[in-house]
Amino acid sequence: MSLIEARSLRRDFVIPKRSTFERTRRQTALAPTDLDIVEGSSVGIIGESGSGKSTLVRLLLGLDRPTSGTVTVDGRAVDATASARSLHWLRRQTGLVFQDPYASLDPRMTAAQIVREPLWALGIDEDHRARVREVLEQVGLEPEMGDRYPHEFSGGQRQRIALARAIVHRPRILVGDEPLSALDVTVRAQILELLIELRRTADLTLVLVSHDIGVVQNLCDTVVVMKDGSVVERGTTADVLLRPTQDYTKTLLAAIPVIPAPPA
């Protein structure tokens, strides 16, 4: 059964006129798109910058209003024009991790306050302090670290805090928008292992936007390839990455840097 369904989802943007005599123009960020995400699956969305990946995810999460088309989550329609309170049901279902762990954390709040925020905002009735301590341990941080501020943590630790915030309210869907690209190689491997473990233990449905094909290969069982606002190829990770059928996918995969083997 599909947990997320998109039907004929489209997003156009109006390009501001540069003069009084210029005609209003529209640019299509996302062409009409159908997408099904099965509960418990892990879907990677790949493509070059400007291909429509983030636009698609924002529409799926109700963070932007489609020009046309529909999104349903667990059989319930997502209305991006609705009030923030009326979308609480959707926010309970989803957790979001952004690209830059420092920019996404309020520097005036402690780690514990940051992680607790979804519990407070969604009106979740449980022991917030105990839940925050529990989830900090779950992402590999000492509960006592909750009294520190973001600038007192390393980049990898900040991304762990962002992950803790994304799962503290026990969502069914975890969305990562380039969650590893701002980290160095060693820390990226650690967070990758953490994501694999969280997906297994928390039974999460994962939607991952990434330029890093290696991350998608390790985390995702399904891949969606986008170009110029359209889905050009989709399928299992093995089929798309090892046996691509579209020229664009082949070009994208060919652009991955490869370290040449040392001479014999």
C-alpha atoms as a PDB file:
ATOM      1  CA  MET A   1       0.000   0.000   0.000  1.00  0.00           C
ATOM      2  CA  SER A   2       1.277   3.478  -0.900  1.00  0.00           C
ATOM      3  CA  LEU A   3       1.836   5.761   2.073  1.00  0.00           C
ATOM      4  CA  ILE A   4       2.422   8.796  -0.178  1.00  0.00           C
ATOM      5  CA  GLU A   5       0.695   9.300  -3.530  1.00  0.00           C
ATOM      6  CA  ALA A   6       1.207  12.177  -5.957  1.00  0.00           C
ATOM      7  CA  ARG A   7      -1.008  12.507  -9.017  1.00  0.00           C
ATOM      8  CA  SER A   8      -0.326  14.908 -11.905  1.00  0.00           C
ATOM      9  CA  LEU A   9       1.629  17.098  -9.491  1.00  0.00           C
ATOM     10  CA  ARG A  10       2.829  20.304 -11.163  1.00  0.00           C
ATOM     11  CA  ARG A  11       4.513  23.506  -9.984  1.00  0.00           C
ATOM     12  CA  ASP A  12       4.916  26.652 -12.088  1.00  0.00           C
ATOM     13  CA  PHE A  13       6.514  29.910 -10.980  1.00  0.00           C
ATOM     14  CA  VAL A  14       5.786  33.367 -12.355  1.00  0.00           C
ATOM     15  CA  ILE A  15       8.921  35.143 -13.567  1.00  0.00           C
ATOM     16  CA  PRO A  16       8.798  38.841 -12.570  1.00  0.00           C
ATOM     17  CA  LYS A  17       8.514  41.284 -15.472  1.00  0.00           C
ATOM     18  CA  ARG A  18      11.598  43.407 -16.090  1.00  0.00           C
ATOM     19  CA  SER A  19       9.615  46.184 -17.770  1.00  0.00           C
ATOM     20  CA  THR A  20       6.035  47.390 -18.159  1.00  0.00           C
ATOM     21  CA  PHE A  21       5.879  46.137 -21.734  1.00  0.00           C
ATOM     22  CA  GLU A  22       7.144  42.646 -21.072  1.00  0.00           C
ATOM     23  CA  ARG A  23       4.644  39.817 -20.959  1.00  0.00           C
ATOM     24  CA  THR A  24       4.288  37.730 -17.828  1.00  0.00           C
ATOM     25  CA  ARG A  25       6.184  34.474 -18.166  1.00  0.00           C
ATOM     26  CA  ARG A  26       5.942  31.195 -16.301  1.00  0.00           C
ATOM     27  CA  GLN A  27       8.628  28.663 -15.592  1.00  0.00           C
ATOM     28  CA  THR A  28       7.817  25.035 -14.857  1.00  0.00           C
ATOM     29  CA  ALA A  29       9.782  23.754 -11.873  1.00  0.00           C
ATOM     30  CA  LEU A  30       7.939  20.441 -11.812  1.00  0.00           C
ATOM     31  CA  ALA A  31       6.132  18.956 -14.817  1.00  0.00           C
ATOM     32  CA  PRO A  32       3.031  16.801 -14.125  1.00  0.00           C
ATOM     33  CA  THR A  33       4.371  13.948 -12.012  1.00  0.00           C
ATOM     34  CA  ASP A  34       2.937  10.745 -10.563  1.00  0.00           C
ATOM     35  CA  LEU A  35       4.726   9.140  -7.639  1.00  0.00           C
ATOM     36  CA  ASP A  36       3.929   6.328  -5.211  1.00  0.00           C
ATOM     37  CA  ILE A  37       5.973   5.720  -2.077  1.00  0.00           C
ATOM     38  CA  VAL A  38       5.209   2.444  -0.328  1.00  0.00           C
ATOM     39  CA  GLU A  39       5.225   2.329   3.458  1.00  0.00           C
ATOM     40  CA  GLY A  40       8.518   1.016   4.792  1.00  0.00           C
ATOM     41  CA  SER A  41      10.400   1.697   1.569  1.00  0.00           C
ATOM     42  CA  SER A  42      13.415   3.936   1.022  1.00  0.00           C
ATOM     43  CA  VAL A  43      13.283   6.195  -2.035  1.00  0.00           C
ATOM     44  CA  GLY A  44      16.224   8.169  -3.385  1.00  0.00           C
ATOM     45  CA  ILE A  45      15.572  11.172  -5.631  1.00  0.00           C
ATOM     46  CA  ILE A  46      18.606  12.099  -7.733  1.00  0.00           C
ATOM     47  CA  GLY A  47      19.430  14.577 -10.483  1.00  0.00           C
ATOM     48  CA  GLU A  48      21.498  17.675 -11.110  1.00  0.00           C
ATOM     49  CA  SER A  49      20.821  21.025  -9.417  1.00  0.00           C
ATOM     50  CA  GLY A  50      17.604  22.582 -10.697  1.00  0.00           C
ATOM     51  CA  SER A  51      16.098  19.270 -11.742  1.00  0.00           C
ATOM     52  CA  GLY A  52      13.075  19.686  -9.451  1.00  0.00           C
ATOM     53  CA  LYS A  53      14.060  17.353  -6.592  1.00  0.00           C
ATOM     54  CA  SER A  54      13.518  19.788  -3.736  1.00  0.00           C
ATOM     55  CA  THR A  55      10.379  21.220  -5.360  1.00  0.00           C
ATOM     56  CA  LEU A  56       8.858  17.739  -5.466  1.00  0.00           C
ATOM     57  CA  VAL A  57       9.702  17.077  -1.807  1.00  0.00           C
ATOM     58  CA  ARG A  58       8.291  20.436  -0.673  1.00  0.00           C
ATOM     59  CA  LEU A  59       5.020  19.644  -2.417  1.00  0.00           C
ATOM     60  CA  LEU A  60       4.867  16.169  -0.893  1.00  0.00           C
ATOM     61  CA  LEU A  61       5.312  17.703   2.576  1.00  0.00           C
ATOM     62  CA  GLY A  62       2.746  20.456   2.076  1.00  0.00           C
ATOM     63  CA  LEU A  63       5.427  23.142   2.345  1.00  0.00           C
ATOM     64  CA  ASP A  64       4.503  24.563  -1.067  1.00  0.00           C
ATOM     65  CA  ARG A  65       1.282  24.803  -3.064  1.00  0.00           C
ATOM     66  CA  PRO A  66       1.079  22.911  -6.373  1.00  0.00           C
ATOM     67  CA  THR A  67      -0.131  24.671  -9.487  1.00  0.00           C
ATOM     68  CA  SER A  68      -2.180  21.550 -10.163  1.00  0.00           C
ATOM     69  CA  GLY A  69      -2.376  17.947  -9.054  1.00  0.00           C
ATOM     70  CA  THR A  70      -2.847  16.267  -5.696  1.00  0.00           C
ATOM     71  CA  VAL A  71      -0.865  14.717  -2.854  1.00  0.00           C
ATOM     72  CA  THR A  72      -2.253  12.246  -0.352  1.00  0.00           C
ATOM     73  CA  VAL A  73      -0.476  10.876   2.714  1.00  0.00           C
ATOM     74  CA  ASP A  74      -1.946   7.738   4.261  1.00  0.00           C
ATOM     75  CA  GLY A  75      -5.089   8.304   2.194  1.00  0.00           C
ATOM     76  CA  ARG A  76      -5.604  11.880   3.398  1.00  0.00           C
ATOM     77  CA  ALA A  77      -5.362  14.851   1.028  1.00  0.00           C
ATOM     78  CA  VAL A  78      -2.600  17.390   1.680  1.00  0.00           C
ATOM     79  CA  ASP A  79      -3.892  20.960   1.413  1.00  0.00           C
ATOM     80  CA  ALA A  80      -0.954  23.367   1.382  1.00  0.00           C
ATOM     81  CA  THR A  81      -3.359  26.320   1.691  1.00  0.00           C
ATOM     82  CA  ALA A  82      -4.666  25.081   5.041  1.00  0.00           C
ATOM     83  CA  SER A  83      -3.661  26.648   8.345  1.00  0.00           C
ATOM     84  CA  ALA A  84      -0.592  25.431  10.185  1.00  0.00           C
ATOM     85  CA  ARG A  85      -2.740  23.904  12.927  1.00  0.00           C
ATOM     86  CA  SER A  86      -4.910  21.961  10.477  1.00  0.00           C
ATOM     87  CA  LEU A  87      -1.735  20.393   9.045  1.00  0.00           C
ATOM     88  CA  HIS A  88      -0.602  19.058  12.415  1.00  0.00           C
ATOM     89  CA  TRP A  89      -1.670  15.584  11.316  1.00  0.00           C
ATOM     90  CA  LEU A  90       0.866  15.759   8.459  1.00  0.00           C
ATOM     91  CA  ARG A  91       3.644  17.171  10.648  1.00  0.00           C
ATOM     92  CA  ARG A  92       3.087  14.274  13.081  1.00  0.00           C
ATOM     93  CA  GLN A  93       3.667  11.873  10.185  1.00  0.00           C
ATOM     94  CA  THR A  94       6.846  13.479   8.854  1.00  0.00           C
ATOM     95  CA  GLY A  95      10.327  14.489  10.001  1.00  0.00           C
ATOM     96  CA  LEU A  96      12.712  16.593   7.923  1.00  0.00           C
ATOM     97  CA  VAL A  97      16.515  16.851   7.979  1.00  0.00           C
ATOM     98  CA  PHE A  98      18.122  19.706   6.060  1.00  0.00           C
ATOM     99  CA  GLN A  99      21.468  20.013   4.278  1.00  0.00           C
ATOM    100  CA  ASP A 100      23.298  22.400   6.603  1.00  0.00           C
ATOM    101  CA  PRO A 101      23.090  21.263  10.242  1.00  0.00           C
ATOM    102  CA  TYR A 102      24.320  24.617  11.569  1.00  0.00           C
ATOM    103  CA  ALA A 103      21.923  26.814   9.570  1.00  0.00           C
ATOM    104  CA  SER A 104      18.935  24.620  10.504  1.00  0.00           C
ATOM    105  CA  LEU A 105      19.513  24.919  14.269  1.00  0.00           C
ATOM    106  CA  ASP A 106      18.564  28.025  16.267  1.00  0.00           C
ATOM    107  CA  PRO A 107      21.834  29.266  17.869  1.00  0.00           C
ATOM    108  CA  ARG A 108      19.886  30.765  20.785  1.00  0.00           C
ATOM    109  CA  MET A 109      18.412  27.418  21.837  1.00  0.00           C
ATOM    110  CA  THR A 110      20.108  24.533  23.619  1.00  0.00           C
ATOM    111  CA  ALA A 111      20.224  21.131  21.949  1.00  0.00           C
ATOM    112  CA  ALA A 112      17.515  19.864  24.299  1.00  0.00           C
ATOM    113  CA  GLN A 113      15.240  22.791  23.451  1.00  0.00           C
ATOM    114  CA  ILE A 114      15.791  22.229  19.731  1.00  0.00           C
ATOM    115  CA  VAL A 115      14.970  18.525  19.956  1.00  0.00           C
ATOM    116  CA  ARG A 116      11.936  19.198  22.183  1.00  0.00           C
ATOM    117  CA  GLU A 117      10.437  21.796  19.832  1.00  0.00           C
ATOM    118  CA  PRO A 118       8.307  19.385  17.706  1.00  0.00           C
ATOM    119  CA  LEU A 119       6.823  17.864  20.868  1.00  0.00           C
ATOM    120  CA  TRP A 120       5.797  21.323  22.063  1.00  0.00           C
ATOM    121  CA  ALA A 121       4.639  22.629  18.660  1.00  0.00           C
ATOM    122  CA  LEU A 122       2.495  19.558  17.959  1.00  0.00           C
ATOM    123  CA  GLY A 123       1.042  19.435  21.445  1.00  0.00           C
ATOM    124  CA  ILE A 124       2.278  15.912  22.131  1.00  0.00           C
ATOM    125  CA  ASP A 125       1.327  14.891  25.656  1.00  0.00           C
ATOM    126  CA  GLU A 126       4.192  12.920  27.162  1.00  0.00           C
ATOM    127  CA  ASP A 127       7.217  13.522  29.368  1.00  0.00           C
ATOM    128  CA  HIS A 128       9.214  15.810  27.072  1.00  0.00           C
ATOM    129  CA  ARG A 129      12.402  15.710  29.118  1.00  0.00           C
ATOM    130  CA  ALA A 130      12.476  11.923  29.187  1.00  0.00           C
ATOM    131  CA  ARG A 131      11.735  11.664  25.466  1.00  0.00           C
ATOM    132  CA  VAL A 132      14.495  14.148  24.591  1.00  0.00           C
ATOM    133  CA  ARG A 133      17.034  12.210  26.652  1.00  0.00           C
ATOM    134  CA  GLU A 134      15.894   8.979  24.994  1.00  0.00           C
ATOM    135  CA  VAL A 135      16.224  10.282  21.452  1.00  0.00           C
ATOM    136  CA  LEU A 136      19.607  11.946  22.103  1.00  0.00           C
ATOM    137  CA  GLU A 137      20.925   8.546  23.170  1.00  0.00           C
ATOM    138  CA  GLN A 138      19.291   6.998  20.102  1.00  0.00           C
ATOM    139  CA  VAL A 139      21.355   9.220  17.778  1.00  0.00           C
ATOM    140  CA  GLY A 140      24.576   8.611  19.697  1.00  0.00           C
ATOM    141  CA  LEU A 141      24.769  11.686  21.936  1.00  0.00           C
ATOM    142  CA  GLU A 142      25.063  11.852  25.711  1.00  0.00           C
ATOM    143  CA  PRO A 143      21.852  13.202  27.285  1.00  0.00           C
ATOM    144  CA  GLU A 144      23.949  15.710  29.277  1.00  0.00           C
ATOM    145  CA  MET A 145      24.894  17.349  25.973  1.00  0.00           C
ATOM    146  CA  GLY A 146      21.368  18.729  25.803  1.00  0.00           C
ATOM    147  CA  ASP A 147      22.453  21.768  27.833  1.00  0.00           C
ATOM    148  CA  ARG A 148      24.942  22.869  25.159  1.00  0.00           C
ATOM    149  CA  TYR A 149      24.337  25.282  22.294  1.00  0.00           C
ATOM    150  CA  PRO A 150      24.825  24.449  18.576  1.00  0.00           C
ATOM    151  CA  HIS A 151      28.184  26.241  18.297  1.00  0.00           C
ATOM    152  CA  GLU A 152      29.596  23.921  20.958  1.00  0.00           C
ATOM    153  CA  PHE A 153      29.146  20.861  18.727  1.00  0.00           C
ATOM    154  CA  SER A 154      30.993  19.534  15.710  1.00  0.00           C
ATOM    155  CA  GLY A 155      29.286  19.332  12.320  1.00  0.00           C
ATOM    156  CA  GLY A 156      28.529  15.643  12.738  1.00  0.00           C
ATOM    157  CA  GLN A 157      27.110  16.166  16.219  1.00  0.00           C
ATOM    158  CA  ARG A 158      24.907  18.997  14.943  1.00  0.00           C
ATOM    159  CA  GLN A 159      23.489  16.718  12.264  1.00  0.00           C
ATOM    160  CA  ARG A 160      22.775  14.134  14.965  1.00  0.00           C
ATOM    161  CA  ILE A 161      20.819  16.829  16.821  1.00  0.00           C
ATOM    162  CA  ALA A 162      18.908  17.602  13.612  1.00  0.00           C
ATOM    163  CA  LEU A 163      18.115  13.889  13.252  1.00  0.00           C
ATOM    164  CA  ALA A 164      16.959  13.716  16.866  1.00  0.00           C
ATOM    165  CA  ARG A 165      14.620  16.655  16.247  1.00  0.00           C
ATOM    166  CA  ALA A 166      13.276  14.952  13.104  1.00  0.00           C
ATOM    167  CA  ILE A 167      12.357  11.699  14.885  1.00  0.00           C
ATOM    168  CA  VAL A 168      11.491  12.871  18.406  1.00  0.00           C
ATOM    169  CA  HIS A 169       7.740  12.869  17.641  1.00  0.00           C
ATOM    170  CA  ARG A 170       7.934   9.330  16.185  1.00  0.00           C
ATOM    171  CA  PRO A 171       7.079  10.117  12.550  1.00  0.00           C
ATOM    172  CA  ARG A 172       6.392   7.425   9.969  1.00  0.00           C
ATOM    173  CA  ILE A 173       8.215   9.300   7.198  1.00  0.00           C
ATOM    174  CA  LEU A 174      11.758  10.707   7.379  1.00  0.00           C
ATOM    175  CA  VAL A 175      12.759  13.122   4.615  1.00  0.00           C
ATOM    176  CA  GLY A 176      16.389  14.126   4.054  1.00  0.00           C
ATOM    177  CA  ASP A 177      17.229  16.995   1.702  1.00  0.00           C
ATOM    178  CA  GLU A 178      20.962  16.490   1.061  1.00  0.00           C
ATOM    179  CA  PRO A 179      21.475  15.602   4.747  1.00  0.00           C
ATOM    180  CA  LEU A 180      25.091  14.435   4.310  1.00  0.00           C
ATOM    181  CA  SER A 181      26.534  16.790   1.709  1.00  0.00           C
ATOM    182  CA  ALA A 182      27.822  19.385   4.204  1.00  0.00           C
ATOM    183  CA  LEU A 183      29.801  16.796   6.185  1.00  0.00           C
ATOM    184  CA  ASP A 184      33.313  15.486   5.648  1.00  0.00           C
ATOM    185  CA  VAL A 185      33.849  11.930   4.458  1.00  0.00           C
ATOM    186  CA  THR A 186      34.448  10.311   7.858  1.00  0.00           C
ATOM    187  CA  VAL A 187      31.487  11.998   9.547  1.00  0.00           C
ATOM    188  CA  ARG A 188      29.306  11.285   6.507  1.00  0.00           C
ATOM    189  CA  ALA A 189      29.972   7.559   6.921  1.00  0.00           C
ATOM    190  CA  GLN A 190      28.985   7.748  10.593  1.00  0.00           C
ATOM    191  CA  ILE A 191      25.707   9.549   9.876  1.00  0.00           C
ATOM    192  CA  LEU A 192      24.999   7.127   7.026  1.00  0.00           C
ATOM    193  CA  GLU A 193      25.313   4.197   9.429  1.00  0.00           C
ATOM    194  CA  LEU A 194      23.060   6.038  11.878  1.00  0.00           C
ATOM    195  CA  LEU A 195      20.398   6.554   9.201  1.00  0.00           C
ATOM    196  CA  ILE A 196      20.512   2.858   8.293  1.00  0.00           C
ATOM    197  CA  GLU A 197      20.108   1.928  11.955  1.00  0.00           C
ATOM    198  CA  LEU A 198      17.286   4.449  12.558  1.00  0.00           C
ATOM    199  CA  ARG A 199      15.387   3.224   9.544  1.00  0.00           C
ATOM    200  CA  ARG A 200      15.605  -0.344  10.850  1.00  0.00           C
ATOM    201  CA  THR A 201      14.765   0.309  14.503  1.00  0.00           C
ATOM    202  CA  ALA A 202      12.102   2.998  13.989  1.00  0.00           C
ATOM    203  CA  ASP A 203      10.466   1.332  10.939  1.00  0.00           C
ATOM    204  CA  LEU A 204      10.697   4.551   8.941  1.00  0.00           C
ATOM    205  CA  THR A 205       9.738   5.262   5.351  1.00  0.00           C
ATOM    206  CA  LEU A 206      12.690   7.227   3.957  1.00  0.00           C
ATOM    207  CA  VAL A 207      12.658   9.835   1.201  1.00  0.00           C
ATOM    208  CA  LEU A 208      16.172  11.027   0.380  1.00  0.00           C
ATOM    209  CA  VAL A 209      17.193  13.855  -1.960  1.00  0.00           C
ATOM    210  CA  SER A 210      20.877  13.565  -2.766  1.00  0.00           C
ATOM    211  CA  HIS A 211      23.604  14.306  -5.297  1.00  0.00           C
ATOM    212  CA  ASP A 212      25.656  11.527  -3.732  1.00  0.00           C
ATOM    213  CA  ILE A 213      24.950   8.335  -5.682  1.00  0.00           C
ATOM    214  CA  GLY A 214      26.910   6.293  -3.129  1.00  0.00           C
ATOM    215  CA  VAL A 215      24.608   7.424  -0.318  1.00  0.00           C
ATOM    216  CA  VAL A 216      21.531   6.550  -2.374  1.00  0.00           C
ATOM    217  CA  GLN A 217      23.011   3.158  -3.238  1.00  0.00           C
ATOM    218  CA  ASN A 218      23.562   2.363   0.442  1.00  0.00           C
ATOM    219  CA  LEU A 219      20.288   3.715   1.821  1.00  0.00           C
ATOM    220  CA  CYS A 220      17.612   3.346  -0.841  1.00  0.00           C
ATOM    221  CA  ASP A 221      15.828   0.428  -2.438  1.00  0.00           C
ATOM    222  CA  THR A 222      14.134   2.579  -5.093  1.00  0.00           C
ATOM    223  CA  VAL A 223      15.546   5.441  -7.186  1.00  0.00           C
ATOM    224  CA  VAL A 224      13.794   8.286  -9.016  1.00  0.00           C
ATOM    225  CA  VAL A 225      15.889  10.216 -11.553  1.00  0.00           C
ATOM    226  CA  MET A 226      14.839  13.797 -12.378  1.00  0.00           C
ATOM    227  CA  LYS A 227      15.837  16.211 -15.147  1.00  0.00           C
ATOM    228  CA  ASP A 228      14.385  19.648 -15.939  1.00  0.00           C
ATOM    229  CA  GLY A 229      11.419  19.123 -13.627  1.00  0.00           C
ATOM    230  CA  SER A 230      10.469  15.695 -14.960  1.00  0.00           C
ATOM    231  CA  VAL A 231      11.003  12.124 -13.838  1.00  0.00           C
ATOM    232  CA  VAL A 232      13.049  10.474 -16.591  1.00  0.00           C
ATOM    233  CA  GLU A 233      13.656   7.098 -14.977  1.00  0.00           C
ATOM    234  CA  ARG A 234      12.596   5.148 -11.925  1.00  0.00           C
ATOM    235  CA  GLY A 235      13.012   1.635 -10.601  1.00  0.00           C
ATOM    236  CA  THR A 236      14.877  -0.465  -8.083  1.00  0.00           C
ATOM    237  CA  THR A 237      18.284   0.824  -7.033  1.00  0.00           C
ATOM    238  CA  ALA A 238      20.045  -2.107  -8.687  1.00  0.00           C
ATOM    239  CA  ASP A 239      18.218  -1.631 -11.993  1.00  0.00           C
ATOM    240  CA  VAL A 240      18.631   2.143 -12.220  1.00  0.00           C
ATOM    241  CA  LEU A 241      22.228   2.405 -11.020  1.00  0.00           C
ATOM    242  CA  LEU A 242      23.620  -0.760 -12.625  1.00  0.00           C
ATOM    243  CA  ARG A 243      21.416  -1.071 -15.717  1.00  0.00           C
ATOM    244  CA  PRO A 244      20.130   2.418 -16.607  1.00  0.00           C
ATOM    245  CA  THR A 245      17.972   2.716 -19.711  1.00  0.00           C
ATOM    246  CA  GLN A 246      17.916   6.495 -20.209  1.00  0.00           C
ATOM    247  CA  ASP A 247      20.811   8.471 -21.690  1.00  0.00           C
ATOM    248  CA  TYR A 248      20.534  11.140 -18.990  1.00  0.00           C
ATOM    249  CA  THR A 249      20.872   8.541 -16.215  1.00  0.00           C
ATOM    250  CA  LYS A 250      23.889   7.038 -17.954  1.00  0.00           C
ATOM    251  CA  THR A 251      25.485  10.505 -18.227  1.00  0.00           C
ATOM    252  CA  LEU A 252      24.737  11.233 -14.562  1.00  0.00           C
ATOM    253  CA  LEU A 253      26.352   7.982 -13.436  1.00  0.00           C
ATOM    254  CA  ALA A 254      29.321   8.464 -15.758  1.00  0.00           C
ATOM    255  CA  ALA A 255      30.067  11.787 -14.038  1.00  0.00           C
ATOM    256  CA  ILE A 256      30.807  10.053 -10.708  1.00  0.00           C
ATOM    257  CA  PRO A 257      34.521  10.465  -9.901  1.00  0.00           C
ATOM    258  CA  VAL A 258      36.434   7.187  -9.920  1.00  0.00           C
ATOM    259  CA  ILE A 259      39.876   6.697  -8.399  1.00  0.00           C
ATOM    260  CA  PRO A 260      41.969   4.839 -10.988  1.00  0.00           C
ATOM    261  CA  ALA A 261      43.566   1.574  -9.958  1.00  0.00           C
ATOM    262  CA  PRO A 262      47.320   1.805  -9.264  1.00  0.00           C
ATOM    263  CA  PRO A 263      49.569   0.451 -12.009  1.00  0.00           C
ATOM    264  CA  ALA A 264      50.503  -3.206 -11.663  1.00  0.00           C
END
